[in-house]
Protein backbone atom coordinates (compact mmCIF):
# COMPACT_ATOMS: atom_id res chain seq x y z
CA MET A 1 -21.17 12.47 -1.93
CA SER A 2 -20.11 14.90 0.12
CA LYS A 3 -17.57 17.86 -0.87
CA HIS A 4 -15.94 17.49 2.64
CA ALA A 5 -14.33 14.40 4.12
CA VAL A 6 -12.80 12.82 7.44
CA VAL A 7 -9.62 10.42 6.48
CA TYR A 8 -7.29 8.52 8.91
CA CYS A 9 -4.74 6.65 7.70
CA VAL A 10 -4.06 2.72 9.87
CA THR A 11 -2.76 -0.19 10.16
CA GLY A 12 -2.95 -3.38 12.74
CA LYS A 13 -4.21 -2.97 16.19
CA HIS A 14 -4.44 0.93 16.34
CA ILE A 15 -7.42 0.50 14.24
CA GLN A 16 -9.07 1.01 18.32
CA LEU A 17 -8.25 4.11 18.19
CA THR A 18 -9.25 4.86 14.95
CA ALA A 19 -12.61 3.48 16.11
CA VAL A 20 -12.28 5.80 19.32
CA SER A 21 -11.58 9.06 17.15
CA VAL A 22 -14.51 8.06 14.73
CA THR A 23 -16.76 7.93 17.55
CA SER A 24 -15.66 11.09 18.49
CA VAL A 25 -16.39 12.72 15.05
CA ILE A 26 -19.93 10.97 14.75
CA ASN A 27 -21.17 12.04 18.24
CA ASN A 28 -20.49 15.60 17.51
CA TYR A 29 -21.52 15.98 14.02
CA LYS A 30 -24.66 17.89 13.31
CA GLY A 31 -24.17 18.58 9.41
CA ALA A 32 -26.17 17.29 6.56
CA HIS A 33 -23.85 14.81 4.99
CA LEU A 34 -19.84 13.59 5.85
CA ASP A 35 -17.91 11.16 4.23
CA ILE A 36 -15.67 9.00 6.69
CA LEU A 37 -12.65 7.32 4.77
CA ILE A 38 -10.19 4.69 6.53
CA ILE A 39 -7.46 3.83 4.54
CA VAL A 40 -6.21 0.47 5.83
CA GLN A 41 -3.90 -2.31 5.70
CA ASP A 42 -3.66 -5.28 7.84
CA VAL A 43 -7.09 -4.83 9.45
CA THR A 44 -9.91 -7.36 10.09
CA GLU A 45 -13.12 -7.50 8.44
CA LYS A 46 -14.34 -8.26 11.60
CA ASP A 47 -13.63 -4.63 12.83
CA MET A 48 -14.48 -2.81 9.63
CA VAL A 49 -17.70 -4.41 9.87
CA THR A 50 -17.69 -2.87 13.62
CA ILE A 51 -17.15 0.45 12.37
CA LYS A 52 -19.35 0.71 9.93
CA GLN A 53 -22.18 -0.11 12.22
CA ILE A 54 -20.99 3.12 14.65
CA PRO A 55 -23.35 5.98 12.52
CA ILE A 56 -25.89 3.73 12.91
CA ALA A 57 -25.45 2.98 16.51
CA LEU A 58 -25.65 6.63 17.02
CA GLN A 59 -28.82 7.80 15.03
CA LYS A 60 -26.06 9.70 12.65
CA GLU A 61 -27.03 7.67 8.88
CA ASN A 62 -26.58 10.82 7.49
CA VAL A 63 -22.45 9.79 8.24
CA ILE A 64 -20.97 7.03 6.08
CA ILE A 65 -17.74 5.34 7.05
CA HIS A 66 -15.98 3.86 3.32
CA PHE A 67 -12.21 1.73 3.80
CA TRP A 68 -9.85 2.03 0.98
CA ASN A 69 -6.72 -0.15 0.39
CA PRO A 70 -3.18 2.40 0.31
CA PRO A 71 -2.32 4.75 -2.47
CA GLU A 72 -0.41 3.07 -5.69
CA GLU A 73 2.02 5.62 -5.11
CA ILE A 74 3.69 3.93 -1.69
CA LYS A 75 4.96 0.92 -3.50
CA GLU A 76 7.99 3.75 -4.93
CA ILE A 77 9.08 4.08 -1.44
CA LYS A 78 12.41 2.32 -1.49
CA ASN A 79 14.10 0.66 1.85
CA TYR A 80 11.94 3.08 4.30
CA GLN A 81 12.87 1.65 7.91
CA ASN A 82 11.99 3.94 11.38
CA ASN A 83 10.78 1.86 14.38
CA ARG A 84 8.98 4.77 15.97
CA PHE A 85 7.63 6.09 12.49
CA PRO A 86 6.40 3.35 10.19
CA GLU A 87 5.27 3.70 7.05
CA VAL A 88 1.96 4.66 7.21
CA THR A 89 2.43 7.74 8.60
CA LEU A 90 3.80 8.47 5.41
CA TRP A 91 0.48 7.86 3.60
CA ARG A 92 -0.92 11.34 4.77
CA LEU A 93 0.80 12.85 1.92
CA PHE A 94 -0.88 11.40 -0.96
CA VAL A 95 -4.46 11.86 0.91
CA PRO A 96 -5.58 14.90 -1.00
CA ALA A 97 -4.37 13.51 -4.47
CA TYR A 98 -5.68 10.04 -4.10
CA PHE A 99 -9.23 11.64 -2.97
CA SER A 100 -9.17 14.40 -5.18
CA SER A 101 -12.84 14.50 -6.20
CA TYR A 102 -13.08 16.39 -2.68
CA LYS A 103 -12.76 19.95 -1.97
CA LYS A 104 -11.24 19.77 1.36
CA ILE A 105 -10.07 17.08 3.83
CA LEU A 106 -9.93 16.72 7.49
CA TYR A 107 -6.85 14.24 8.53
CA LEU A 108 -6.59 12.93 11.36
CA ASP A 109 -4.34 10.72 13.20
CA ASN A 110 -5.73 7.58 14.92
CA ASP A 111 -4.72 8.72 18.44
CA THR A 112 -6.94 12.02 18.57
CA ILE A 113 -10.29 12.80 20.28
CA VAL A 114 -12.72 15.49 18.63
CA TYR A 115 -14.90 17.90 20.35
CA GLU A 116 -16.16 20.24 18.06
CA ASP A 117 -18.86 20.00 14.93
CA VAL A 118 -15.81 18.90 12.17
CA GLU A 119 -17.92 21.08 9.57
CA LYS A 120 -17.13 24.05 11.18
CA LEU A 121 -13.32 22.76 10.63
CA PHE A 122 -13.86 22.85 7.27
CA PRO A 123 -13.87 27.22 6.38
CA LEU A 124 -10.98 27.16 8.50
CA VAL A 125 -8.34 26.69 5.26
CA PRO A 126 -8.60 29.85 2.71
CA LYS A 127 -8.97 28.73 -0.69
CA GLU A 128 -5.48 30.39 -1.67
CA LYS A 129 -3.75 28.30 0.83
CA ALA A 130 -2.73 24.26 0.26
CA ILE A 131 -3.30 23.77 4.45
CA ALA A 132 -4.34 24.56 7.45
CA ALA A 133 -2.57 23.28 10.64
CA ILE A 134 -1.14 23.33 14.36
CA ARG A 135 2.20 24.22 15.88
CA ASP A 136 3.56 21.45 17.17
CA PHE A 137 3.92 22.25 20.89
CA TYR A 138 7.08 20.61 21.94
CA VAL A 139 8.93 22.56 18.76
CA SER A 140 6.71 25.57 19.75
CA ALA A 141 7.91 25.22 23.50
CA ILE A 142 11.99 24.83 22.58
CA SER A 143 12.26 26.98 19.68
CA ASP A 144 12.50 30.33 21.15
CA ASP A 145 16.16 29.30 22.39
CA GLN A 146 17.03 26.42 20.21
CA ASP A 147 15.53 26.95 16.68
CA TYR A 148 16.52 24.53 14.39
CA GLY A 149 15.38 25.39 11.25
CA LYS A 150 17.76 25.09 8.99
CA GLN A 151 18.73 21.04 9.48
CA PHE A 152 14.94 20.83 9.16
CA GLY A 153 14.84 22.88 5.83
CA VAL A 154 12.39 25.62 7.03
CA ALA A 155 12.76 29.29 7.65
CA THR A 156 12.01 28.43 11.30
CA MET A 157 10.64 26.01 13.66
CA LYS A 158 8.58 28.46 15.16
CA ASN A 159 6.32 27.97 12.57
CA TYR A 160 6.44 23.70 12.62
CA VAL A 161 3.05 22.60 12.67
CA ASN A 162 1.82 19.10 13.90
CA SER A 163 0.87 16.82 11.11
CA GLY A 164 -1.59 14.53 13.26
CA VAL A 165 -4.21 17.33 12.53
CA ILE A 166 -4.33 19.32 8.70
CA LEU A 167 -7.01 20.34 6.78
CA PHE A 168 -6.29 20.48 3.41
CA ASN A 169 -7.35 22.88 0.47
CA VAL A 170 -7.25 19.19 -2.12
CA GLU A 171 -6.82 21.11 -5.11
CA THR A 172 -4.56 23.89 -4.07
CA TYR A 173 -2.34 21.20 -2.69
CA ASN A 174 -2.10 19.17 -5.43
CA ASN A 175 -1.82 22.38 -8.08
CA LEU A 176 1.58 22.83 -5.51
CA ILE A 177 2.79 19.61 -4.61
CA THR A 178 2.86 16.55 -6.86
CA THR A 179 3.12 12.98 -6.55
CA ASN A 180 6.44 12.41 -7.32
CA LYS A 181 8.29 15.51 -5.49
CA ILE A 182 6.93 13.86 -2.28
CA LEU A 183 8.17 10.48 -2.90
CA GLU A 184 11.40 11.56 -3.94
CA MET A 185 11.69 13.77 -0.28
CA ILE A 186 10.62 10.39 0.82
CA ASN A 187 12.99 8.38 -1.06
CA GLU A 188 16.18 10.68 0.17
CA ASN A 189 14.75 10.56 3.80
CA LYS A 190 17.31 12.94 5.30
CA TYR A 191 14.58 13.55 8.73
CA GLN A 192 14.14 11.47 11.76
CA TYR A 193 10.13 13.32 11.59
CA LEU A 194 10.41 12.00 8.22
CA ASP A 195 6.14 13.29 7.10
CA GLN A 196 5.81 16.11 9.57
CA THR A 197 8.86 17.46 7.70
CA ILE A 198 7.99 17.29 4.19
CA LEU A 199 4.51 18.69 5.04
CA ASN A 200 6.55 21.89 6.86
CA ILE A 201 9.24 22.29 3.60
CA LEU A 202 6.51 21.56 0.95
CA CYS A 203 3.56 23.91 2.32
CA GLU A 204 6.22 26.36 4.17
CA GLU A 205 4.69 29.53 2.03
CA SER A 206 1.55 27.87 1.79
CA MET A 207 -0.61 27.19 5.15
CA THR A 208 -2.28 28.99 7.69
CA PHE A 209 -2.03 28.13 11.88
CA LEU A 210 -4.76 27.60 13.85
CA PRO A 211 -4.89 27.71 17.52
CA TYR A 212 -3.67 25.39 19.79
CA GLU A 213 -7.40 24.08 20.77
CA TYR A 214 -7.49 22.34 17.03
CA ASN A 215 -4.72 20.19 17.92
CA TYR A 216 -4.07 19.86 21.66
CA GLN A 217 -1.26 17.73 21.60
CA LYS A 218 0.19 16.74 25.08
CA ASP A 219 -1.06 16.64 29.10
CA ASP A 220 -1.34 18.99 32.25
CA HIS A 221 2.26 16.94 33.49
CA TRP A 222 3.97 18.16 30.36
CA LEU A 223 2.18 21.60 30.87
CA PHE A 224 2.71 22.88 33.89
CA ASP A 225 6.08 20.87 35.46
CA TRP A 226 7.99 20.98 31.35
CA ALA A 227 6.65 23.59 29.51
CA HIS A 228 5.95 26.11 31.79
CA HIS A 229 9.49 26.30 32.94
CA LYS A 230 11.09 25.66 29.94
CA ASN A 231 8.64 28.92 27.71
CA GLU A 232 6.24 30.54 30.00
CA ARG A 233 4.87 32.29 26.47
CA VAL A 234 4.19 29.53 24.62
CA ALA A 235 3.05 27.70 27.49
CA ASN A 236 0.65 30.41 29.01
CA LEU A 237 -0.99 30.70 25.16
CA ILE A 238 -1.75 26.44 25.43
CA ILE A 239 -3.14 27.09 29.46
CA ALA A 240 -6.10 29.28 27.48
CA ALA A 241 -6.37 26.56 24.52
CA ARG A 242 -6.49 24.43 27.18
CA GLU A 243 -10.55 25.75 28.54
CA ASN A 244 -11.47 24.66 25.04
CA VAL A 245 -10.34 21.94 23.17
CA LYS A 246 -11.51 21.53 19.74
CA ILE A 247 -9.64 18.42 18.93
CA ARG A 248 -7.39 16.25 21.72
CA HIS A 249 -4.25 14.40 19.81
CA PHE A 250 -2.72 12.00 22.55
CA VAL A 251 1.03 12.52 21.45
CA GLU A 252 3.28 10.84 23.82
CA PHE A 253 5.63 12.82 26.69
CA GLU A 254 7.00 10.12 28.85
CA LYS A 255 7.14 6.37 28.95
CA HIS A 256 3.23 5.11 29.35
CA SER A 257 2.04 8.22 29.09
CA MET A 258 -1.26 7.34 26.83
CA PRO A 259 -4.60 6.55 28.22
CA TRP A 260 -3.84 3.15 26.68
CA GLU A 261 -0.65 2.67 28.40
CA HIS A 262 -1.78 2.75 31.98
CA VAL A 263 -4.66 2.28 34.50
CA THR A 264 -5.75 5.56 35.89
CA VAL A 265 -7.78 7.60 34.70
CA GLN A 266 -5.73 10.61 34.22
CA ASP A 267 -8.01 13.54 33.35
CA GLN A 268 -11.46 14.61 31.38
CA TRP A 269 -9.59 13.62 27.98
CA GLU A 270 -8.60 10.12 29.22
CA LYS A 271 -12.37 9.36 30.85
CA ASP A 272 -13.84 10.23 27.40
CA PHE A 273 -11.30 7.86 25.34
CA TRP A 274 -12.15 4.87 27.85
CA LYS A 275 -16.15 6.43 27.26
CA TYR A 276 -15.82 6.37 23.49
CA LEU A 277 -13.93 2.61 23.49
CA TYR A 278 -16.65 1.90 25.62
CA VAL A 279 -19.54 2.06 23.09
CA ILE A 280 -17.50 0.96 20.48
CA LYS A 281 -17.07 -2.93 23.03
CA GLU A 282 -20.86 -2.50 23.40
CA ILE A 283 -21.47 -1.87 19.58
CA SER A 284 -19.40 -5.05 18.61
CA MET A 285 -21.36 -6.99 21.32
CA ASN A 286 -24.87 -6.52 19.93
CA LEU A 287 -23.25 -7.98 16.30
CA GLN A 288 -22.78 -11.43 17.83
């Protein structure tokens, strides 16, 4: 078993997005051994078999993919209802406790493409910090004149991180945060962006901030047509990050803005999404 792992949480039809992200991780991996752990619910056996073949097809058999059931703790979540952010979004908060034998874990949302060797990412979270993460693009753009820190339970929204890419220092996180505390905050259900806000509150004094390119969250329309007018300072930082994106995270801006929601291919990141998806479909066809 590796001391490092990459983790996803997925339900149902989103497994196709997971497969794209997993393929990008494997394609760029150059280390000795990597475990990819996928926590699943309502995913078919055929899809799991296909995904397990990706490292073999890409000649990266030093990458091993494991599928896991959701952690038992989620059975204690009470009366959670959110159409936009289903319960699966909360599973990431339990990842370090669930996989406590690892030293460091990179959690990725399913709607990501990785352009960096993940082995280079694990050192970015120092031992004394629970997590390393990246400030939320939208919140960064509005927080100079709209800081809702008090409403979100944090000192300032200027340091509010997006939970789609998280580097966990497993032991430090588990020493700082108990599963009981996580469940208590979930069941209070105070916040619109529940998993993300809980993470920001509990790790506020124990996080390292990574540059925007490690969780590049928006498309050019958002950046140049909205953010640049809203906050030129932040937009210029994101424009600089655009030149060296390590992880592209497809975060919705407007309706139909995700690559799988429209026909046209609008940029290189969308082109890469479809290329990786084609690789997976070819693997699947070869298994027939």
